[in-house]
């Protein structure tokens, strides 16, 4: 739908539905800049062959979402809904039924090489072929008050993080990893403060959390 080579793309109170790209960003691809989607914007059933079924940002300052809805988007490789080399920030944003569809697909809803930060909002029924049913981040993952339900991947049913994973007052319910980390798979430190883990499942290790490095849990 939109290709922007340099600069920012700002979207407010708009809808993108059933757009397709043969490479990246079924709805919006920004090569060198930023993408912001706010004010009830929705992205439904968009698709990309490789990265970011709805939104993809290569260079620049990343992707920010507020009060947005991303549903039924699909990418073959990374980020069923959103993919960014830089940070992804989402506030009061809901991701549902997005998928990174290939066997090596990661980040069913969100793939970020930078930090991924989520405040409230929800991830429901997102899937990835390899890791991070809802979210896969190379940078840190920070989630506050976010709800993760029925997301699925071989490793990290909801979240797979390659840097620190920090979760505060978040809810993880019925997420599934067919291998390790039913809710969370973290390769470095994991910090959990409040929230709940209910009915998550892993086929091998870590029904709720699989951590390669220290895991600290308080009041959960």
C-alpha atoms as a PDB file:
ATOM      1  CA  UNK A   1       0.000   0.000   0.000  1.00  0.00           C
ATOM      2  CA  UNK A   2       2.701   2.510   1.048  1.00  0.00           C
ATOM      3  CA  UNK A   3       6.442   2.560   0.353  1.00  0.00           C
ATOM      4  CA  UNK A   4       8.463   5.401   1.890  1.00  0.00           C
ATOM      5  CA  UNK A   5      12.165   5.567   1.092  1.00  0.00           C
ATOM      6  CA  UNK A   6      13.259   8.324   3.513  1.00  0.00           C
ATOM      7  CA  UNK A   7      11.360  10.094   6.281  1.00  0.00           C
ATOM      8  CA  UNK A   8       8.501   9.268   8.592  1.00  0.00           C
ATOM      9  CA  UNK A   9       5.076   7.766   7.985  1.00  0.00           C
ATOM     10  CA  UNK A  10       2.347   8.891  10.386  1.00  0.00           C
ATOM     11  CA  UNK A  11      -1.025   7.121  10.392  1.00  0.00           C
ATOM     12  CA  UNK A  12      -4.024   8.112  12.492  1.00  0.00           C
ATOM     13  CA  UNK A  13      -7.583   6.751  12.600  1.00  0.00           C
ATOM     14  CA  UNK A  14      -7.052   4.797   9.377  1.00  0.00           C
ATOM     15  CA  UNK A  15      -7.602   1.232   8.174  1.00  0.00           C
ATOM     16  CA  UNK A  16      -5.446  -0.989   5.951  1.00  0.00           C
ATOM     17  CA  UNK A  17      -6.964  -4.292   4.887  1.00  0.00           C
ATOM     18  CA  UNK A  18      -5.866  -7.125   2.563  1.00  0.00           C
ATOM     19  CA  UNK A  19      -2.757  -5.428   1.184  1.00  0.00           C
ATOM     20  CA  UNK A  20       0.101  -7.656  -0.017  1.00  0.00           C
ATOM     21  CA  UNK A  21       3.811  -7.144  -0.667  1.00  0.00           C
ATOM     22  CA  UNK A  22       6.183  -9.506  -2.426  1.00  0.00           C
ATOM     23  CA  UNK A  23       8.945  -8.567   0.009  1.00  0.00           C
ATOM     24  CA  UNK A  24       8.373  -6.385   3.116  1.00  0.00           C
ATOM     25  CA  UNK A  25       5.556  -4.441   4.758  1.00  0.00           C
ATOM     26  CA  UNK A  26       2.220  -5.493   3.309  1.00  0.00           C
ATOM     27  CA  UNK A  27       0.576  -2.230   4.386  1.00  0.00           C
ATOM     28  CA  UNK A  28       3.566   0.072   5.011  1.00  0.00           C
ATOM     29  CA  UNK A  29       7.293  -0.305   4.338  1.00  0.00           C
ATOM     30  CA  UNK A  30       9.611   2.518   5.417  1.00  0.00           C
ATOM     31  CA  UNK A  31      13.208   2.044   4.323  1.00  0.00           C
ATOM     32  CA  UNK A  32      14.900   4.858   6.253  1.00  0.00           C
ATOM     33  CA  UNK A  33      12.630   6.571   8.755  1.00  0.00           C
ATOM     34  CA  UNK A  34       9.925   5.775  11.263  1.00  0.00           C
ATOM     35  CA  UNK A  35       6.339   4.552  11.304  1.00  0.00           C
ATOM     36  CA  UNK A  36       3.731   5.744  13.813  1.00  0.00           C
ATOM     37  CA  UNK A  37       0.187   4.353  13.878  1.00  0.00           C
ATOM     38  CA  UNK A  38      -2.260   5.788  16.420  1.00  0.00           C
ATOM     39  CA  UNK A  39      -5.842   6.740  17.211  1.00  0.00           C
ATOM     40  CA  UNK A  40      -7.652   3.511  16.452  1.00  0.00           C
ATOM     41  CA  UNK A  41      -5.774   2.647  13.288  1.00  0.00           C
ATOM     42  CA  UNK A  42      -6.292  -0.958  12.191  1.00  0.00           C
ATOM     43  CA  UNK A  43      -4.317  -3.384  10.051  1.00  0.00           C
ATOM     44  CA  UNK A  44      -6.233  -6.481   9.011  1.00  0.00           C
ATOM     45  CA  UNK A  45      -5.250  -9.422   6.772  1.00  0.00           C
ATOM     46  CA  UNK A  46      -2.205  -7.782   5.250  1.00  0.00           C
ATOM     47  CA  UNK A  47       0.701  -9.948   4.119  1.00  0.00           C
ATOM     48  CA  UNK A  48       4.372  -9.845   3.154  1.00  0.00           C
ATOM     49  CA  UNK A  49       6.531 -12.602   1.727  1.00  0.00           C
ATOM     50  CA  UNK A  50       9.410 -11.898   4.104  1.00  0.00           C
ATOM     51  CA  UNK A  51       9.207  -9.249   6.879  1.00  0.00           C
ATOM     52  CA  UNK A  52       6.377  -7.354   8.535  1.00  0.00           C
ATOM     53  CA  UNK A  53       3.014  -8.555   7.325  1.00  0.00           C
ATOM     54  CA  UNK A  54       1.504  -5.137   8.064  1.00  0.00           C
ATOM     55  CA  UNK A  55       4.405  -2.797   8.956  1.00  0.00           C
ATOM     56  CA  UNK A  56       8.133  -2.978   8.251  1.00  0.00           C
ATOM     57  CA  UNK A  57      10.889  -0.467   8.998  1.00  0.00           C
ATOM     58  CA  UNK A  58      14.477  -1.124   7.930  1.00  0.00           C
ATOM     59  CA  UNK A  59      16.550   1.888   9.001  1.00  0.00           C
ATOM     60  CA  UNK A  60      15.538   4.972  10.999  1.00  0.00           C
ATOM     61  CA  UNK A  61      14.020   5.149  14.463  1.00  0.00           C
ATOM     62  CA  UNK A  62      11.636   2.186  14.456  1.00  0.00           C
ATOM     63  CA  UNK A  63       7.899   1.688  14.824  1.00  0.00           C
ATOM     64  CA  UNK A  64       5.528   3.138  17.438  1.00  0.00           C
ATOM     65  CA  UNK A  65       1.907   2.128  17.944  1.00  0.00           C
ATOM     66  CA  UNK A  66      -0.794   3.541  20.205  1.00  0.00           C
ATOM     67  CA  UNK A  67      -4.435   2.498  20.377  1.00  0.00           C
ATOM     68  CA  UNK A  68      -4.024   0.350  17.270  1.00  0.00           C
ATOM     69  CA  UNK A  69      -5.353  -3.061  16.223  1.00  0.00           C
ATOM     70  CA  UNK A  70      -3.403  -5.610  14.155  1.00  0.00           C
ATOM     71  CA  UNK A  71      -5.294  -8.765  13.209  1.00  0.00           C
ATOM     72  CA  UNK A  72      -4.799 -11.682  10.777  1.00  0.00           C
ATOM     73  CA  UNK A  73      -1.601 -10.318   9.259  1.00  0.00           C
ATOM     74  CA  UNK A  74       1.074 -12.716   7.994  1.00  0.00           C
ATOM     75  CA  UNK A  75       4.753 -12.666   7.030  1.00  0.00           C
ATOM     76  CA  UNK A  76       6.805 -15.547   5.740  1.00  0.00           C
ATOM     77  CA  UNK A  77       9.898 -14.913   7.829  1.00  0.00           C
ATOM     78  CA  UNK A  78       9.881 -12.257  10.566  1.00  0.00           C
ATOM     79  CA  UNK A  79       7.119 -10.299  12.268  1.00  0.00           C
ATOM     80  CA  UNK A  80       3.682 -11.497  11.229  1.00  0.00           C
ATOM     81  CA  UNK A  81       2.331  -7.994  11.899  1.00  0.00           C
ATOM     82  CA  UNK A  82       5.383  -5.788  12.617  1.00  0.00           C
ATOM     83  CA  UNK A  83       9.102  -6.033  11.836  1.00  0.00           C
ATOM     84  CA  UNK A  84      11.779  -3.459  12.636  1.00  0.00           C
ATOM     85  CA  UNK A  85      15.567  -3.300  12.748  1.00  0.00           C
ATOM     86  CA  UNK A  86      15.164  -0.641  15.464  1.00  0.00           C
ATOM     87  CA  UNK A  87      12.846  -0.378  18.518  1.00  0.00           C
ATOM     88  CA  UNK A  88       9.170  -1.239  18.529  1.00  0.00           C
ATOM     89  CA  UNK A  89       6.907   0.504  21.057  1.00  0.00           C
ATOM     90  CA  UNK A  90       3.226  -0.308  21.513  1.00  0.00           C
ATOM     91  CA  UNK A  91       0.762   1.277  23.958  1.00  0.00           C
ATOM     92  CA  UNK A  92      -2.837   0.050  24.309  1.00  0.00           C
ATOM     93  CA  UNK A  93      -2.444  -1.972  21.124  1.00  0.00           C
ATOM     94  CA  UNK A  94      -3.993  -5.372  20.402  1.00  0.00           C
ATOM     95  CA  UNK A  95      -2.391  -8.075  18.251  1.00  0.00           C
ATOM     96  CA  UNK A  96      -4.452 -11.140  17.333  1.00  0.00           C
ATOM     97  CA  UNK A  97      -4.116 -14.101  14.950  1.00  0.00           C
ATOM     98  CA  UNK A  98      -0.966 -12.797  13.291  1.00  0.00           C
ATOM     99  CA  UNK A  99       1.624 -15.306  12.083  1.00  0.00           C
ATOM    100  CA  UNK A 100       5.215 -15.699  10.938  1.00  0.00           C
ATOM    101  CA  UNK A 101       4.275 -18.621   8.783  1.00  0.00           C
ATOM    102  CA  UNK A 102       7.405 -20.413   7.568  1.00  0.00           C
ATOM    103  CA  UNK A 103       9.101 -23.192   9.529  1.00  0.00           C
ATOM    104  CA  UNK A 104      11.864 -20.691  10.384  1.00  0.00           C
ATOM    105  CA  UNK A 105       9.438 -17.834  11.067  1.00  0.00           C
ATOM    106  CA  UNK A 106       9.980 -15.741  14.199  1.00  0.00           C
ATOM    107  CA  UNK A 107       7.855 -13.171  15.996  1.00  0.00           C
ATOM    108  CA  UNK A 108       4.286 -14.169  15.192  1.00  0.00           C
ATOM    109  CA  UNK A 109       3.095 -10.620  15.870  1.00  0.00           C
ATOM    110  CA  UNK A 110       6.279  -8.557  16.436  1.00  0.00           C
ATOM    111  CA  UNK A 111       9.922  -8.934  15.454  1.00  0.00           C
ATOM    112  CA  UNK A 112      12.350  -6.290  16.729  1.00  0.00           C
ATOM    113  CA  UNK A 113      16.114  -6.161  16.466  1.00  0.00           C
ATOM    114  CA  UNK A 114      16.035  -3.263  18.919  1.00  0.00           C
ATOM    115  CA  UNK A 115      14.139  -3.011  22.190  1.00  0.00           C
ATOM    116  CA  UNK A 116      10.487  -4.084  22.202  1.00  0.00           C
ATOM    117  CA  UNK A 117       8.353  -2.181  24.732  1.00  0.00           C
ATOM    118  CA  UNK A 118       4.688  -2.914  25.406  1.00  0.00           C
ATOM    119  CA  UNK A 119       2.372  -1.061  27.786  1.00  0.00           C
ATOM    120  CA  UNK A 120      -1.014  -2.666  28.393  1.00  0.00           C
ATOM    121  CA  UNK A 121      -2.577  -4.059  25.219  1.00  0.00           C
ATOM    122  CA  UNK A 122      -2.839  -7.737  24.322  1.00  0.00           C
ATOM    123  CA  UNK A 123      -1.430 -10.572  22.215  1.00  0.00           C
ATOM    124  CA  UNK A 124      -3.919 -13.329  21.395  1.00  0.00           C
ATOM    125  CA  UNK A 125      -3.615 -16.423  19.172  1.00  0.00           C
ATOM    126  CA  UNK A 126      -0.443 -15.322  17.392  1.00  0.00           C
ATOM    127  CA  UNK A 127       1.883 -18.032  16.024  1.00  0.00           C
ATOM    128  CA  UNK A 128       5.438 -18.448  14.739  1.00  0.00           C
ATOM    129  CA  UNK A 129       7.054 -21.390  13.007  1.00  0.00           C
ATOM    130  CA  UNK A 130      10.283 -21.241  15.035  1.00  0.00           C
ATOM    131  CA  UNK A 131      10.354 -18.832  17.984  1.00  0.00           C
ATOM    132  CA  UNK A 132       8.354 -16.140  19.756  1.00  0.00           C
ATOM    133  CA  UNK A 133       4.695 -16.888  19.094  1.00  0.00           C
ATOM    134  CA  UNK A 134       3.816 -13.279  19.902  1.00  0.00           C
ATOM    135  CA  UNK A 135       7.172 -11.468  20.161  1.00  0.00           C
ATOM    136  CA  UNK A 136      10.781 -12.121  19.263  1.00  0.00           C
ATOM    137  CA  UNK A 137      13.335  -9.424  20.070  1.00  0.00           C
ATOM    138  CA  UNK A 138      17.094  -9.312  19.687  1.00  0.00           C
ATOM    139  CA  UNK A 139      17.082  -6.326  22.060  1.00  0.00           C
ATOM    140  CA  UNK A 140      15.393  -6.215  25.454  1.00  0.00           C
ATOM    141  CA  UNK A 141      11.701  -6.955  25.941  1.00  0.00           C
ATOM    142  CA  UNK A 142       9.760  -4.826  28.422  1.00  0.00           C
ATOM    143  CA  UNK A 143       6.071  -5.563  28.996  1.00  0.00           C
ATOM    144  CA  UNK A 144       3.895  -3.778  31.557  1.00  0.00           C
ATOM    145  CA  UNK A 145       0.280  -4.745  32.144  1.00  0.00           C
ATOM    146  CA  UNK A 146       0.152  -6.651  28.863  1.00  0.00           C
ATOM    147  CA  UNK A 147      -2.015  -9.759  28.373  1.00  0.00           C
ATOM    148  CA  UNK A 148      -0.631 -12.764  26.436  1.00  0.00           C
ATOM    149  CA  UNK A 149      -3.174 -15.500  25.618  1.00  0.00           C
ATOM    150  CA  UNK A 150      -2.930 -18.682  23.515  1.00  0.00           C
ATOM    151  CA  UNK A 151       0.154 -17.685  21.558  1.00  0.00           C
ATOM    152  CA  UNK A 152       2.183 -20.557  20.132  1.00  0.00           C
ATOM    153  CA  UNK A 153       5.693 -21.373  18.818  1.00  0.00           C
ATOM    154  CA  UNK A 154       8.276 -24.163  19.203  1.00  0.00           C
ATOM    155  CA  UNK A 155      10.346 -21.957  21.557  1.00  0.00           C
ATOM    156  CA  UNK A 156       8.833 -19.118  23.558  1.00  0.00           C
ATOM    157  CA  UNK A 157       5.097 -19.547  23.135  1.00  0.00           C
ATOM    158  CA  UNK A 158       4.539 -15.851  23.853  1.00  0.00           C
ATOM    159  CA  UNK A 159       8.004 -14.224  24.051  1.00  0.00           C
ATOM    160  CA  UNK A 160      11.485 -15.170  22.932  1.00  0.00           C
ATOM    161  CA  UNK A 161      14.158 -12.685  23.961  1.00  0.00           C
ATOM    162  CA  UNK A 162      17.869 -12.643  23.164  1.00  0.00           C
ATOM    163  CA  UNK A 163      18.542  -9.814  25.630  1.00  0.00           C
ATOM    164  CA  UNK A 164      16.862  -9.209  28.984  1.00  0.00           C
ATOM    165  CA  UNK A 165      13.141  -9.860  29.409  1.00  0.00           C
ATOM    166  CA  UNK A 166      11.413  -7.673  32.007  1.00  0.00           C
ATOM    167  CA  UNK A 167       7.722  -8.199  32.732  1.00  0.00           C
ATOM    168  CA  UNK A 168       5.609  -6.222  35.210  1.00  0.00           C
ATOM    169  CA  UNK A 169       1.975  -6.998  36.066  1.00  0.00           C
ATOM    170  CA  UNK A 170       1.506  -8.971  32.845  1.00  0.00           C
ATOM    171  CA  UNK A 171      -0.780 -11.970  32.379  1.00  0.00           C
ATOM    172  CA  UNK A 172       0.248 -15.136  30.521  1.00  0.00           C
ATOM    173  CA  UNK A 173      -2.518 -17.683  29.931  1.00  0.00           C
ATOM    174  CA  UNK A 174      -2.557 -20.890  27.858  1.00  0.00           C
ATOM    175  CA  UNK A 175       0.503 -20.057  25.769  1.00  0.00           C
ATOM    176  CA  UNK A 176       2.227 -23.094  24.234  1.00  0.00           C
ATOM    177  CA  UNK A 177       5.777 -23.949  23.193  1.00  0.00           C
ATOM    178  CA  UNK A 178       6.126 -27.317  21.555  1.00  0.00           C
ATOM    179  CA  UNK A 179       9.749 -27.399  22.789  1.00  0.00           C
ATOM    180  CA  UNK A 180      10.867 -24.933  25.511  1.00  0.00           C
ATOM    181  CA  UNK A 181       9.371 -21.936  27.320  1.00  0.00           C
ATOM    182  CA  UNK A 182       5.593 -22.162  27.231  1.00  0.00           C
ATOM    183  CA  UNK A 183       5.231 -18.436  27.921  1.00  0.00           C
ATOM    184  CA  UNK A 184       8.794 -17.030  27.888  1.00  0.00           C
ATOM    185  CA  UNK A 185      12.120 -18.215  26.477  1.00  0.00           C
ATOM    186  CA  UNK A 186      14.997 -15.930  27.478  1.00  0.00           C
ATOM    187  CA  UNK A 187      18.662 -16.373  26.646  1.00  0.00           C
ATOM    188  CA  UNK A 188      19.786 -13.791  29.225  1.00  0.00           C
ATOM    189  CA  UNK A 189      18.246 -12.452  32.450  1.00  0.00           C
ATOM    190  CA  UNK A 190      14.516 -12.597  33.129  1.00  0.00           C
ATOM    191  CA  UNK A 191      12.735 -10.359  35.652  1.00  0.00           C
ATOM    192  CA  UNK A 192       9.101 -10.916  36.606  1.00  0.00           C
ATOM    193  CA  UNK A 193       7.289  -8.525  38.970  1.00  0.00           C
ATOM    194  CA  UNK A 194       3.634  -9.270  39.670  1.00  0.00           C
ATOM    195  CA  UNK A 195       1.200 -10.622  37.135  1.00  0.00           C
ATOM    196  CA  UNK A 196       0.294 -14.274  36.591  1.00  0.00           C
ATOM    197  CA  UNK A 197       1.177 -17.422  34.637  1.00  0.00           C
ATOM    198  CA  UNK A 198      -1.757 -19.818  34.219  1.00  0.00           C
ATOM    199  CA  UNK A 199      -2.057 -22.919  32.063  1.00  0.00           C
ATOM    200  CA  UNK A 200       1.021 -22.367  29.896  1.00  0.00           C
ATOM    201  CA  UNK A 201       2.674 -25.473  28.454  1.00  0.00           C
ATOM    202  CA  UNK A 202       6.009 -26.609  26.996  1.00  0.00           C
ATOM    203  CA  UNK A 203       6.635 -29.895  25.268  1.00  0.00           C
ATOM    204  CA  UNK A 204      10.026 -30.220  26.954  1.00  0.00           C
ATOM    205  CA  UNK A 205      11.314 -27.689  29.510  1.00  0.00           C
ATOM    206  CA  UNK A 206       9.903 -24.597  31.195  1.00  0.00           C
ATOM    207  CA  UNK A 207       6.124 -24.832  31.102  1.00  0.00           C
ATOM    208  CA  UNK A 208       5.956 -21.137  31.933  1.00  0.00           C
ATOM    209  CA  UNK A 209       9.556 -19.822  31.717  1.00  0.00           C
ATOM    210  CA  UNK A 210      12.752 -21.173  30.193  1.00  0.00           C
ATOM    211  CA  UNK A 211      15.788 -19.099  31.151  1.00  0.00           C
ATOM    212  CA  UNK A 212      19.413 -19.639  30.136  1.00  0.00           C
ATOM    213  CA  UNK A 213      20.529 -17.079  32.737  1.00  0.00           C
ATOM    214  CA  UNK A 214      19.142 -15.976  36.136  1.00  0.00           C
ATOM    215  CA  UNK A 215      15.381 -15.614  36.563  1.00  0.00           C
ATOM    216  CA  UNK A 216      14.060 -13.277  39.283  1.00  0.00           C
ATOM    217  CA  UNK A 217      10.374 -13.459  40.270  1.00  0.00           C
ATOM    218  CA  UNK A 218       8.614 -11.209  42.774  1.00  0.00           C
ATOM    219  CA  UNK A 219       4.942 -11.230  43.759  1.00  0.00           C
ATOM    220  CA  UNK A 220       3.687 -13.405  40.903  1.00  0.00           C
END
